[in-house]
PDB file of N, CA and C in Angstrom:
ATOM      1  N   MET A   1       0.845  -1.174   0.000  1.00  0.00           N
ATOM      2  CA  MET A   1       0.000   0.000   0.000  1.00  0.00           C
ATOM      3  C   MET A   1       0.888   1.233   0.000  1.00  0.00           C
ATOM      4  N   MET A   2       0.661   2.103  -0.928  1.00  0.00           N
ATOM      5  CA  MET A   2       1.463   3.315  -1.058  1.00  0.00           C
ATOM      6  C   MET A   2       0.931   4.385  -0.108  1.00  0.00           C
ATOM      7  N   PRO A   3       1.847   5.192   0.487  1.00  0.00           N
ATOM      8  CA  PRO A   3       1.386   6.278   1.359  1.00  0.00           C
ATOM      9  C   PRO A   3       0.567   7.280   0.561  1.00  0.00           C
ATOM     10  N   ARG A   4      -0.446   7.830   1.185  1.00  0.00           N
ATOM     11  CA  ARG A   4      -1.304   8.801   0.500  1.00  0.00           C
ATOM     12  C   ARG A   4      -0.564  10.127   0.328  1.00  0.00           C
ATOM     13  N   ALA A   5      -0.907  10.857  -0.726  1.00  0.00           N
ATOM     14  CA  ALA A   5      -0.306  12.160  -0.962  1.00  0.00           C
ATOM     15  C   ALA A   5      -0.851  13.137   0.074  1.00  0.00           C
ATOM     16  N   SER A   6       0.017  14.003   0.581  1.00  0.00           N
ATOM     17  CA  SER A   6      -0.405  14.904   1.638  1.00  0.00           C
ATOM     18  C   SER A   6       0.291  16.245   1.485  1.00  0.00           C
ATOM     19  N   ALA A   7      -0.386  17.297   1.938  1.00  0.00           N
ATOM     20  CA  ALA A   7       0.185  18.633   1.888  1.00  0.00           C
ATOM     21  C   ALA A   7       1.096  18.883   3.094  1.00  0.00           C
ATOM     22  N   TYR A   8       1.066  18.014   4.063  1.00  0.00           N
ATOM     23  CA  TYR A   8       1.893  18.163   5.261  1.00  0.00           C
ATOM     24  C   TYR A   8       2.756  16.916   5.439  1.00  0.00           C
ATOM     25  N   ALA A   9       3.808  17.061   6.217  1.00  0.00           N
ATOM     26  CA  ALA A   9       4.735  15.944   6.429  1.00  0.00           C
ATOM     27  C   ALA A   9       4.062  14.852   7.256  1.00  0.00           C
ATOM     28  N   LEU A  10       4.354  13.597   6.896  1.00  0.00           N
ATOM     29  CA  LEU A  10       3.802  12.452   7.607  1.00  0.00           C
ATOM     30  C   LEU A  10       4.887  11.758   8.420  1.00  0.00           C
ATOM     31  N   CYS A  11       4.461  11.076   9.462  1.00  0.00           N
ATOM     32  CA  CYS A  11       5.373  10.331  10.331  1.00  0.00           C
ATOM     33  C   CYS A  11       6.081   9.249   9.518  1.00  0.00           C
ATOM     34  N   ARG A  12       7.394   9.112   9.717  1.00  0.00           N
ATOM     35  CA  ARG A  12       8.186   8.145   8.970  1.00  0.00           C
ATOM     36  C   ARG A  12       8.335   6.811   9.692  1.00  0.00           C
ATOM     37  N   HIS A  13       7.682   6.640  10.841  1.00  0.00           N
ATOM     38  CA  HIS A  13       7.806   5.394  11.591  1.00  0.00           C
ATOM     39  C   HIS A  13       7.191   4.241  10.798  1.00  0.00           C
ATOM     40  N   THR A  14       7.912   3.125  10.736  1.00  0.00           N
ATOM     41  CA  THR A  14       7.400   1.923  10.093  1.00  0.00           C
ATOM     42  C   THR A  14       6.894   0.978  11.170  1.00  0.00           C
ATOM     43  N   LYS A  15       5.629   0.611  11.078  1.00  0.00           N
ATOM     44  CA  LYS A  15       5.015  -0.270  12.066  1.00  0.00           C
ATOM     45  C   LYS A  15       5.501  -1.701  11.856  1.00  0.00           C
ATOM     46  N   THR A  16       5.204  -2.576  12.808  1.00  0.00           N
ATOM     47  CA  THR A  16       5.674  -3.955  12.736  1.00  0.00           C
ATOM     48  C   THR A  16       5.108  -4.714  11.546  1.00  0.00           C
ATOM     49  N   ASN A  17       3.981  -4.261  11.010  1.00  0.00           N
ATOM     50  CA  ASN A  17       3.404  -4.928   9.842  1.00  0.00           C
ATOM     51  C   ASN A  17       3.980  -4.396   8.532  1.00  0.00           C
ATOM     52  N   GLY A  18       4.938  -3.472   8.609  1.00  0.00           N
ATOM     53  CA  GLY A  18       5.608  -2.942   7.425  1.00  0.00           C
ATOM     54  C   GLY A  18       4.986  -1.684   6.852  1.00  0.00           C
ATOM     55  N   LEU A  19       3.847  -1.265   7.375  1.00  0.00           N
ATOM     56  CA  LEU A  19       3.187  -0.053   6.871  1.00  0.00           C
ATOM     57  C   LEU A  19       3.700   1.169   7.623  1.00  0.00           C
ATOM     58  N   LEU A  20       3.641   2.319   6.954  1.00  0.00           N
ATOM     59  CA  LEU A  20       4.038   3.563   7.599  1.00  0.00           C
ATOM     60  C   LEU A  20       2.942   4.058   8.523  1.00  0.00           C
ATOM     61  N   CYS A  21       3.304   4.800   9.558  1.00  0.00           N
ATOM     62  CA  CYS A  21       2.352   5.342  10.524  1.00  0.00           C
ATOM     63  C   CYS A  21       1.373   6.298   9.845  1.00  0.00           C
ATOM     64  N   GLN A  22       1.856   7.242   9.080  1.00  0.00           N
ATOM     65  CA  GLN A  22       1.080   8.226   8.309  1.00  0.00           C
ATOM     66  C   GLN A  22       0.307   9.229   9.152  1.00  0.00           C
ATOM     67  N   SER A  23       0.612   9.343  10.434  1.00  0.00           N
ATOM     68  CA  SER A  23       0.048  10.435  11.223  1.00  0.00           C
ATOM     69  C   SER A  23       0.814  11.704  10.877  1.00  0.00           C
ATOM     70  N   PRO A  24       0.227  12.873  11.090  1.00  0.00           N
ATOM     71  CA  PRO A  24       0.952  14.110  10.804  1.00  0.00           C
ATOM     72  C   PRO A  24       2.210  14.211  11.665  1.00  0.00           C
ATOM     73  N   ALA A  25       3.320  14.545  11.025  1.00  0.00           N
ATOM     74  CA  ALA A  25       4.583  14.685  11.746  1.00  0.00           C
ATOM     75  C   ALA A  25       4.633  16.028  12.455  1.00  0.00           C
ATOM     76  N   LEU A  26       5.383  16.073  13.546  1.00  0.00           N
ATOM     77  CA  LEU A  26       5.592  17.331  14.258  1.00  0.00           C
ATOM     78  C   LEU A  26       6.430  18.274  13.409  1.00  0.00           C
ATOM     79  N   ILE A  27       6.304  19.555  13.649  1.00  0.00           N
ATOM     80  CA  ILE A  27       7.144  20.536  12.963  1.00  0.00           C
ATOM     81  C   ILE A  27       8.581  20.283  13.403  1.00  0.00           C
ATOM     82  N   ASP A  28       9.525  20.325  12.492  1.00  0.00           N
ATOM     83  CA  ASP A  28      10.947  20.078  12.749  1.00  0.00           C
ATOM     84  C   ASP A  28      11.214  18.647  13.214  1.00  0.00           C
ATOM     85  N   SER A  29      10.371  17.696  12.827  1.00  0.00           N
ATOM     86  CA  SER A  29      10.577  16.294  13.176  1.00  0.00           C
ATOM     87  C   SER A  29      10.061  15.430  12.034  1.00  0.00           C
ATOM     88  N   ALA A  30      10.612  14.235  11.930  1.00  0.00           N
ATOM     89  CA  ALA A  30      10.143  13.296  10.917  1.00  0.00           C
ATOM     90  C   ALA A  30       9.094  12.353  11.485  1.00  0.00           C
ATOM     91  N   PHE A  31       8.732  12.536  12.759  1.00  0.00           N
ATOM     92  CA  PHE A  31       7.834  11.609  13.426  1.00  0.00           C
ATOM     93  C   PHE A  31       6.654  12.340  14.068  1.00  0.00           C
ATOM     94  N   CYS A  32       5.563  11.622  14.315  1.00  0.00           N
ATOM     95  CA  CYS A  32       4.403  12.178  14.997  1.00  0.00           C
ATOM     96  C   CYS A  32       4.711  12.292  16.498  1.00  0.00           C
ATOM     97  N   TYR A  33       3.778  12.862  17.250  1.00  0.00           N
ATOM     98  CA  TYR A  33       3.983  13.070  18.680  1.00  0.00           C
ATOM     99  C   TYR A  33       4.278  11.748  19.385  1.00  0.00           C
ATOM    100  N   HIS A  34       3.479  10.727  19.122  1.00  0.00           N
ATOM    101  CA  HIS A  34       3.632   9.435  19.802  1.00  0.00           C
ATOM    102  C   HIS A  34       4.995   8.806  19.513  1.00  0.00           C
ATOM    103  N   HIS A  35       5.392   8.738  18.249  1.00  0.00           N
ATOM    104  CA  HIS A  35       6.641   8.069  17.909  1.00  0.00           C
ATOM    105  C   HIS A  35       7.867   8.904  18.268  1.00  0.00           C
ATOM    106  N   GLN A  36       7.748  10.223  18.243  1.00  0.00           N
ATOM    107  CA  GLN A  36       8.850  11.073  18.688  1.00  0.00           C
ATOM    108  C   GLN A  36       9.086  10.859  20.185  1.00  0.00           C
ATOM    109  N   LYS A  37       7.997  10.796  20.952  1.00  0.00           N
ATOM    110  CA  LYS A  37       8.100  10.566  22.398  1.00  0.00           C
ATOM    111  C   LYS A  37       8.701   9.185  22.680  1.00  0.00           C
ATOM    112  N   ALA A  38       8.291   8.174  21.939  1.00  0.00           N
ATOM    113  CA  ALA A  38       8.824   6.826  22.114  1.00  0.00           C
ATOM    114  C   ALA A  38      10.308   6.772  21.770  1.00  0.00           C
ATOM    115  N   ARG A  39      10.721   7.482  20.726  1.00  0.00           N
ATOM    116  CA  ARG A  39      12.143   7.486  20.341  1.00  0.00           C
ATOM    117  C   ARG A  39      12.990   8.174  21.409  1.00  0.00           C
ATOM    118  N   ARG A  40      12.474   9.259  22.006  1.00  0.00           N
ATOM    119  CA  ARG A  40      13.203   9.941  23.078  1.00  0.00           C
ATOM    120  C   ARG A  40      13.377   9.021  24.284  1.00  0.00           C
ATOM    121  N   ALA A  41      12.324   8.307  24.652  1.00  0.00           N
ATOM    122  CA  ALA A  41      12.398   7.390  25.790  1.00  0.00           C
ATOM    123  C   ALA A  41      13.373   6.258  25.503  1.00  0.00           C
ATOM    124  N   ARG A  42      13.412   5.763  24.272  1.00  0.00           N
ATOM    125  CA  ARG A  42      14.313   4.682  23.898  1.00  0.00           C
ATOM    126  C   ARG A  42      15.766   5.125  23.965  1.00  0.00           C
ATOM    127  N   ARG A  43      16.033   6.382  23.598  1.00  0.00           N
ATOM    128  CA  ARG A  43      17.410   6.884  23.635  1.00  0.00           C
ATOM    129  C   ARG A  43      17.950   6.966  25.054  1.00  0.00           C
ATOM    130  N   ARG A  44      17.065   7.189  26.029  1.00  0.00           N
ATOM    131  CA  ARG A  44      17.501   7.295  27.417  1.00  0.00           C
ATOM    132  C   ARG A  44      17.723   5.927  28.049  1.00  0.00           C
ATOM    133  N   THR A  45      17.234   4.867  27.422  1.00  0.00           N
ATOM    134  CA  THR A  45      17.389   3.524  27.947  1.00  0.00           C
ATOM    135  C   THR A  45      18.767   2.995  27.568  1.00  0.00           C
ATOM    136  N   PRO A  46      19.576   2.546  28.535  1.00  0.00           N
ATOM    137  CA  PRO A  46      20.902   2.032  28.201  1.00  0.00           C
ATOM    138  C   PRO A  46      20.820   0.827  27.273  1.00  0.00           C
ATOM    139  N   GLY A  47      21.694   0.823  26.277  1.00  0.00           N
ATOM    140  CA  GLY A  47      21.755  -0.306  25.356  1.00  0.00           C
ATOM    141  C   GLY A  47      20.544  -0.445  24.468  1.00  0.00           C
ATOM    142  N   SER A  48      19.932   0.686  24.096  1.00  0.00           N
ATOM    143  CA  SER A  48      18.710   0.595  23.304  1.00  0.00           C
ATOM    144  C   SER A  48      18.916   0.987  21.848  1.00  0.00           C
ATOM    145  N   GLY A  49      20.136   0.995  21.390  1.00  0.00           N
ATOM    146  CA  GLY A  49      20.391   1.363  20.011  1.00  0.00           C
ATOM    147  C   GLY A  49      19.974   0.264  19.050  1.00  0.00           C
ATOM    148  N   PRO A  50      20.201   0.470  17.746  1.00  0.00           N
ATOM    149  CA  PRO A  50      19.815  -0.531  16.765  1.00  0.00           C
ATOM    150  C   PRO A  50      20.530  -1.856  17.026  1.00  0.00           C
ATOM    151  N   GLY A  51      19.788  -2.928  17.051  1.00  0.00           N
ATOM    152  CA  GLY A  51      20.373  -4.245  17.254  1.00  0.00           C
ATOM    153  C   GLY A  51      20.762  -4.545  18.687  1.00  0.00           C
ATOM    154  N   HIS A  52      20.427  -3.660  19.618  1.00  0.00           N
ATOM    155  CA  HIS A  52      20.843  -3.838  21.000  1.00  0.00           C
ATOM    156  C   HIS A  52      19.713  -4.266  21.916  1.00  0.00           C
ATOM    157  N   SER A  53      18.577  -4.588  21.378  1.00  0.00           N
ATOM    158  CA  SER A  53      17.467  -4.989  22.222  1.00  0.00           C
ATOM    159  C   SER A  53      17.748  -6.358  22.821  1.00  0.00           C
ATOM    160  N   THR A  54      17.822  -6.401  24.133  1.00  0.00           N
ATOM    161  CA  THR A  54      18.053  -7.673  24.804  1.00  0.00           C
ATOM    162  C   THR A  54      16.812  -8.142  25.533  1.00  0.00           C
ATOM    163  N   SER A  55      15.791  -7.309  25.592  1.00  0.00           N
ATOM    164  CA  SER A  55      14.580  -7.708  26.284  1.00  0.00           C
ATOM    165  C   SER A  55      13.675  -8.548  25.393  1.00  0.00           C
ATOM    166  N   VAL A  56      13.845  -8.457  24.089  1.00  0.00           N
ATOM    167  CA  VAL A  56      13.006  -9.205  23.166  1.00  0.00           C
ATOM    168  C   VAL A  56      13.900  -9.927  22.171  1.00  0.00           C
ATOM    169  N   LEU A  57      13.769 -11.241  22.134  1.00  0.00           N
ATOM    170  CA  LEU A  57      14.459 -12.018  21.112  1.00  0.00           C
ATOM    171  C   LEU A  57      13.462 -12.329  20.014  1.00  0.00           C
ATOM    172  N   HIS A  58      13.928 -12.339  18.807  1.00  0.00           N
ATOM    173  CA  HIS A  58      13.065 -12.625  17.672  1.00  0.00           C
ATOM    174  C   HIS A  58      12.676 -14.096  17.682  1.00  0.00           C
ATOM    175  N   PRO A  59      11.616 -14.464  16.992  1.00  0.00           N
ATOM    176  CA  PRO A  59      11.206 -15.873  16.962  1.00  0.00           C
ATOM    177  C   PRO A  59      12.340 -16.770  16.465  1.00  0.00           C
ATOM    178  N   LEU A  60      12.491 -17.901  17.107  1.00  0.00           N
ATOM    179  CA  LEU A  60      13.557 -18.846  16.757  1.00  0.00           C
ATOM    180  C   LEU A  60      12.983 -19.845  15.758  1.00  0.00           C
ATOM    181  N   ARG A  61      13.089 -19.526  14.476  1.00  0.00           N
ATOM    182  CA  ARG A  61      12.465 -20.350  13.442  1.00  0.00           C
ATOM    183  C   ARG A  61      13.401 -21.394  12.857  1.00  0.00           C
ATOM    184  N   ASN A  62      14.703 -21.063  12.784  1.00  0.00           N
ATOM    185  CA  ASN A  62      15.655 -21.985  12.172  1.00  0.00           C
ATOM    186  C   ASN A  62      17.030 -21.776  12.812  1.00  0.00           C
ATOM    187  N   ALA A  63      18.014 -22.517  12.315  1.00  0.00           N
ATOM    188  CA  ALA A  63      19.353 -22.447  12.894  1.00  0.00           C
ATOM    189  C   ALA A  63      19.950 -21.042  12.778  1.00  0.00           C
ATOM    190  N   GLU A  64      19.657 -20.351  11.696  1.00  0.00           N
ATOM    191  CA  GLU A  64      20.208 -19.005  11.501  1.00  0.00           C
ATOM    192  C   GLU A  64      19.692 -18.026  12.560  1.00  0.00           C
ATOM    193  N   THR A  65      18.398 -18.076  12.850  1.00  0.00           N
ATOM    194  CA  THR A  65      17.852 -17.160  13.851  1.00  0.00           C
ATOM    195  C   THR A  65      18.340 -17.515  15.252  1.00  0.00           C
ATOM    196  N   ILE A  66      18.597 -18.789  15.502  1.00  0.00           N
ATOM    197  CA  ILE A  66      19.160 -19.191  16.794  1.00  0.00           C
ATOM    198  C   ILE A  66      20.576 -18.649  16.936  1.00  0.00           C
ATOM    199  N   LEU A  67      21.357 -18.699  15.855  1.00  0.00           N
ATOM    200  CA  LEU A  67      22.718 -18.135  15.897  1.00  0.00           C
ATOM    201  C   LEU A  67      22.688 -16.619  16.088  1.00  0.00           C
ATOM    202  N   GLN A  68      21.731 -15.942  15.443  1.00  0.00           N
ATOM    203  CA  GLN A  68      21.605 -14.498  15.623  1.00  0.00           C
ATOM    204  C   GLN A  68      21.243 -14.159  17.063  1.00  0.00           C
ATOM    205  N   ALA A  69      20.327 -14.922  17.644  1.00  0.00           N
ATOM    206  CA  ALA A  69      19.936 -14.687  19.033  1.00  0.00           C
ATOM    207  C   ALA A  69      21.111 -14.948  19.975  1.00  0.00           C
ATOM    208  N   THR A  70      21.886 -15.983  19.685  1.00  0.00           N
ATOM    209  CA  THR A  70      23.072 -16.274  20.496  1.00  0.00           C
ATOM    210  C   THR A  70      24.062 -15.119  20.422  1.00  0.00           C
ATOM    211  N   ALA A  71      24.249 -14.569  19.227  1.00  0.00           N
ATOM    212  CA  ALA A  71      25.156 -13.433  19.070  1.00  0.00           C
ATOM    213  C   ALA A  71      24.656 -12.219  19.847  1.00  0.00           C
ATOM    214  N   MET A  72      23.335 -12.003  19.870  1.00  0.00           N
ATOM    215  CA  MET A  72      22.768 -10.878  20.618  1.00  0.00           C
ATOM    216  C   MET A  72      23.008 -11.049  22.112  1.00  0.00           C
ATOM    217  N   VAL A  73      22.823 -12.263  22.610  1.00  0.00           N
ATOM    218  CA  VAL A  73      23.034 -12.525  24.034  1.00  0.00           C
ATOM    219  C   VAL A  73      24.510 -12.338  24.391  1.00  0.00           C
ATOM    220  N   LEU A  74      25.404 -12.876  23.570  1.00  0.00           N
ATOM    221  CA  LEU A  74      26.837 -12.743  23.845  1.00  0.00           C
ATOM    222  C   LEU A  74      27.287 -11.285  23.784  1.00  0.00           C
ATOM    223  N   SER A  75      26.729 -10.529  22.853  1.00  0.00           N
ATOM    224  CA  SER A  75      27.055  -9.104  22.765  1.00  0.00           C
ATOM    225  C   SER A  75      26.586  -8.370  24.015  1.00  0.00           C
ATOM    226  N   GLY A  76      25.369  -8.672  24.469  1.00  0.00           N
ATOM    227  CA  GLY A  76      24.858  -8.052  25.687  1.00  0.00           C
ATOM    228  C   GLY A  76      25.674  -8.425  26.912  1.00  0.00           C
ATOM    229  N   LEU A  77      26.129  -9.661  26.964  1.00  0.00           N
ATOM    230  CA  LEU A  77      26.961 -10.118  28.068  1.00  0.00           C
ATOM    231  C   LEU A  77      28.322  -9.419  28.050  1.00  0.00           C
ATOM    232  N   ALA A  78      28.924  -9.322  26.875  1.00  0.00           N
ATOM    233  CA  ALA A  78      30.240  -8.692  26.750  1.00  0.00           C
ATOM    234  C   ALA A  78      30.206  -7.203  27.086  1.00  0.00           C
ATOM    235  N   SER A  79      29.084  -6.537  26.822  1.00  0.00           N
ATOM    236  CA  SER A  79      28.989  -5.102  27.090  1.00  0.00           C
ATOM    237  C   SER A  79      28.304  -4.809  28.429  1.00  0.00           C
ATOM    238  N   ASN A  80      28.111  -5.822  29.250  1.00  0.00           N
ATOM    239  CA  ASN A  80      27.505  -5.697  30.582  1.00  0.00           C
ATOM    240  C   ASN A  80      26.080  -5.159  30.546  1.00  0.00           C
ATOM    241  N   ARG A  81      25.347  -5.422  29.462  1.00  0.00           N
ATOM    242  CA  ARG A  81      23.940  -5.048  29.399  1.00  0.00           C
ATOM    243  C   ARG A  81      23.056  -6.160  29.925  1.00  0.00           C
ATOM    244  N   ILE A  82      23.598  -7.391  29.999  1.00  0.00           N
ATOM    245  CA  ILE A  82      22.856  -8.538  30.512  1.00  0.00           C
ATOM    246  C   ILE A  82      23.661  -9.131  31.662  1.00  0.00           C
ATOM    247  N   HIS A  83      23.002  -9.403  32.771  1.00  0.00           N
ATOM    248  CA  HIS A  83      23.663 -10.034  33.915  1.00  0.00           C
ATOM    249  C   HIS A  83      24.044 -11.459  33.532  1.00  0.00           C
ATOM    250  N   HIS A  84      25.163 -11.936  34.054  1.00  0.00           N
ATOM    251  CA  HIS A  84      25.676 -13.245  33.649  1.00  0.00           C
ATOM    252  C   HIS A  84      24.713 -14.387  33.956  1.00  0.00           C
ATOM    253  N   SER A  85      23.945 -14.286  35.042  1.00  0.00           N
ATOM    254  CA  SER A  85      23.002 -15.368  35.345  1.00  0.00           C
ATOM    255  C   SER A  85      21.840 -15.392  34.346  1.00  0.00           C
ATOM    256  N   LYS A  86      21.371 -14.214  33.952  1.00  0.00           N
ATOM    257  CA  LYS A  86      20.297 -14.148  32.953  1.00  0.00           C
ATOM    258  C   LYS A  86      20.823 -14.617  31.598  1.00  0.00           C
ATOM    259  N   ALA A  87      22.040 -14.231  31.245  1.00  0.00           N
ATOM    260  CA  ALA A  87      22.632 -14.662  29.977  1.00  0.00           C
ATOM    261  C   ALA A  87      22.787 -16.175  29.951  1.00  0.00           C
ATOM    262  N   GLY A  88      23.175 -16.766  31.084  1.00  0.00           N
ATOM    263  CA  GLY A  88      23.318 -18.213  31.150  1.00  0.00           C
ATOM    264  C   GLY A  88      21.999 -18.925  30.885  1.00  0.00           C
ATOM    265  N   LYS A  89      20.927 -18.407  31.454  1.00  0.00           N
ATOM    266  CA  LYS A  89      19.605 -19.000  31.236  1.00  0.00           C
ATOM    267  C   LYS A  89      19.179 -18.852  29.780  1.00  0.00           C
ATOM    268  N   MET A  90      19.472 -17.684  29.198  1.00  0.00           N
ATOM    269  CA  MET A  90      19.103 -17.458  27.801  1.00  0.00           C
ATOM    270  C   MET A  90      19.895 -18.376  26.876  1.00  0.00           C
ATOM    271  N   LEU A  91      21.195 -18.532  27.161  1.00  0.00           N
ATOM    272  CA  LEU A  91      22.020 -19.405  26.325  1.00  0.00           C
ATOM    273  C   LEU A  91      21.589 -20.865  26.460  1.00  0.00           C
ATOM    274  N   TYR A  92      21.177 -21.260  27.658  1.00  0.00           N
ATOM    275  CA  TYR A  92      20.687 -22.622  27.847  1.00  0.00           C
ATOM    276  C   TYR A  92      19.401 -22.843  27.041  1.00  0.00           C
ATOM    277  N   ALA A  93      18.507 -21.861  27.057  1.00  0.00           N
ATOM    278  CA  ALA A  93      17.277 -21.964  26.264  1.00  0.00           C
ATOM    279  C   ALA A  93      17.597 -22.033  24.772  1.00  0.00           C
ATOM    280  N   LEU A  94      18.593 -21.274  24.339  1.00  0.00           N
ATOM    281  CA  LEU A  94      18.998 -21.322  22.929  1.00  0.00           C
ATOM    282  C   LEU A  94      19.619 -22.671  22.585  1.00  0.00           C
ATOM    283  N   GLN A  95      20.338 -23.249  23.531  1.00  0.00           N
ATOM    284  CA  GLN A  95      20.921 -24.574  23.316  1.00  0.00           C
ATOM    285  C   GLN A  95      19.811 -25.613  23.127  1.00  0.00           C
ATOM    286  N   ILE A  96      18.781 -25.537  23.953  1.00  0.00           N
ATOM    287  CA  ILE A  96      17.649 -26.454  23.817  1.00  0.00           C
ATOM    288  C   ILE A  96      16.958 -26.240  22.473  1.00  0.00           C
ATOM    289  N   ALA A  97      16.755 -24.983  22.102  1.00  0.00           N
ATOM    290  CA  ALA A  97      16.119 -24.689  20.815  1.00  0.00           C
ATOM    291  C   ALA A  97      16.961 -25.225  19.665  1.00  0.00           C
ATOM    292  N   GLY A  98      18.278 -25.154  19.809  1.00  0.00           N
ATOM    293  CA  GLY A  98      19.168 -25.655  18.759  1.00  0.00           C
ATOM    294  C   GLY A  98      19.081 -27.147  18.571  1.00  0.00           C
ATOM    295  N   THR A  99      18.800 -27.870  19.643  1.00  0.00           N
ATOM    296  CA  THR A  99      18.665 -29.322  19.507  1.00  0.00           C
ATOM    297  C   THR A  99      17.339 -29.702  18.873  1.00  0.00           C
ATOM    298  N   ARG A 100      16.356 -28.817  18.920  1.00  0.00           N
ATOM    299  CA  ARG A 100      15.019 -29.115  18.383  1.00  0.00           C
ATOM    300  C   ARG A 100      14.855 -28.703  16.916  1.00  0.00           C
ATOM    301  N   VAL A 101      15.779 -27.918  16.407  1.00  0.00           N
ATOM    302  CA  VAL A 101      15.634 -27.415  15.040  1.00  0.00           C
ATOM    303  C   VAL A 101      16.135 -28.472  14.048  1.00  0.00           C
ATOM    304  N   HIS A 102      15.435 -28.586  12.935  1.00  0.00           N
ATOM    305  CA  HIS A 102      15.838 -29.542  11.907  1.00  0.00           C
ATOM    306  C   HIS A 102      16.902 -28.891  11.019  1.00  0.00           C
ATOM    307  N   PRO A 103      17.942 -29.620  10.666  1.00  0.00           N
ATOM    308  CA  PRO A 103      18.971 -29.031   9.801  1.00  0.00           C
ATOM    309  C   PRO A 103      18.398 -28.705   8.417  1.00  0.00           C
ATOM    310  N   THR A 104      18.825 -27.572   7.887  1.00  0.00           N
ATOM    311  CA  THR A 104      18.357 -27.172   6.567  1.00  0.00           C
ATOM    312  C   THR A 104      19.239 -27.839   5.519  1.00  0.00           C
ATOM    313  N   PRO A 105      18.637 -28.325   4.439  1.00  0.00           N
ATOM    314  CA  PRO A 105      19.452 -28.977   3.404  1.00  0.00           C
ATOM    315  C   PRO A 105      20.366 -27.964   2.725  1.00  0.00           C
ATOM    316  N   THR A 106      21.585 -28.375   2.453  1.00  0.00           N
ATOM    317  CA  THR A 106      22.548 -27.503   1.767  1.00  0.00           C
ATOM    318  C   THR A 106      22.719 -27.969   0.332  1.00  0.00           C
ATOM    319  N   LYS A 107      23.019 -27.048  -0.538  1.00  0.00           N
ATOM    320  CA  LYS A 107      23.224 -27.380  -1.945  1.00  0.00           C
ATOM    321  C   LYS A 107      24.624 -27.943  -2.131  1.00  0.00           C
ATOM    322  N   SER A 108      24.735 -28.994  -2.896  1.00  0.00           N
ATOM    323  CA  SER A 108      26.066 -29.552  -3.176  1.00  0.00           C
ATOM    324  C   SER A 108      26.653 -28.814  -4.364  1.00  0.00           C
ATOM    325  N   ARG A 109      27.952 -28.756  -4.412  1.00  0.00           N
ATOM    326  CA  ARG A 109      28.638 -28.001  -5.483  1.00  0.00           C
ATOM    327  C   ARG A 109      28.864 -28.838  -6.733  1.00  0.00           C
ATOM    328  N   SER A 110      28.478 -30.084  -6.757  1.00  0.00           N
ATOM    329  CA  SER A 110      28.749 -30.907  -7.939  1.00  0.00           C
ATOM    330  C   SER A 110      27.713 -30.762  -9.004  1.00  0.00           C
TER     331      SER A 110
END
């Protein structure tokens, strides 16, 4: 769905379903009141930059996503954003998930 044409600036926030917010943006901002306020609150949260979310892991669908989640946990542990006991529990859960995932077939080079 294409954004509608507008005489005023629209919010540039992309929702989880992939669509743009399309609420009127604040003057001197690319975002609406709600998303500008949310972005300010996120900036004040330690370790809340892009790729630094440790409170939410993405769905573990295959071996690749399990490896990505493991990398996120290890990064959080190395930068002291995750306590070692919580990281241990998360890594154990990822280990269990890794044993339950079916290996993906690889293409042979012949």
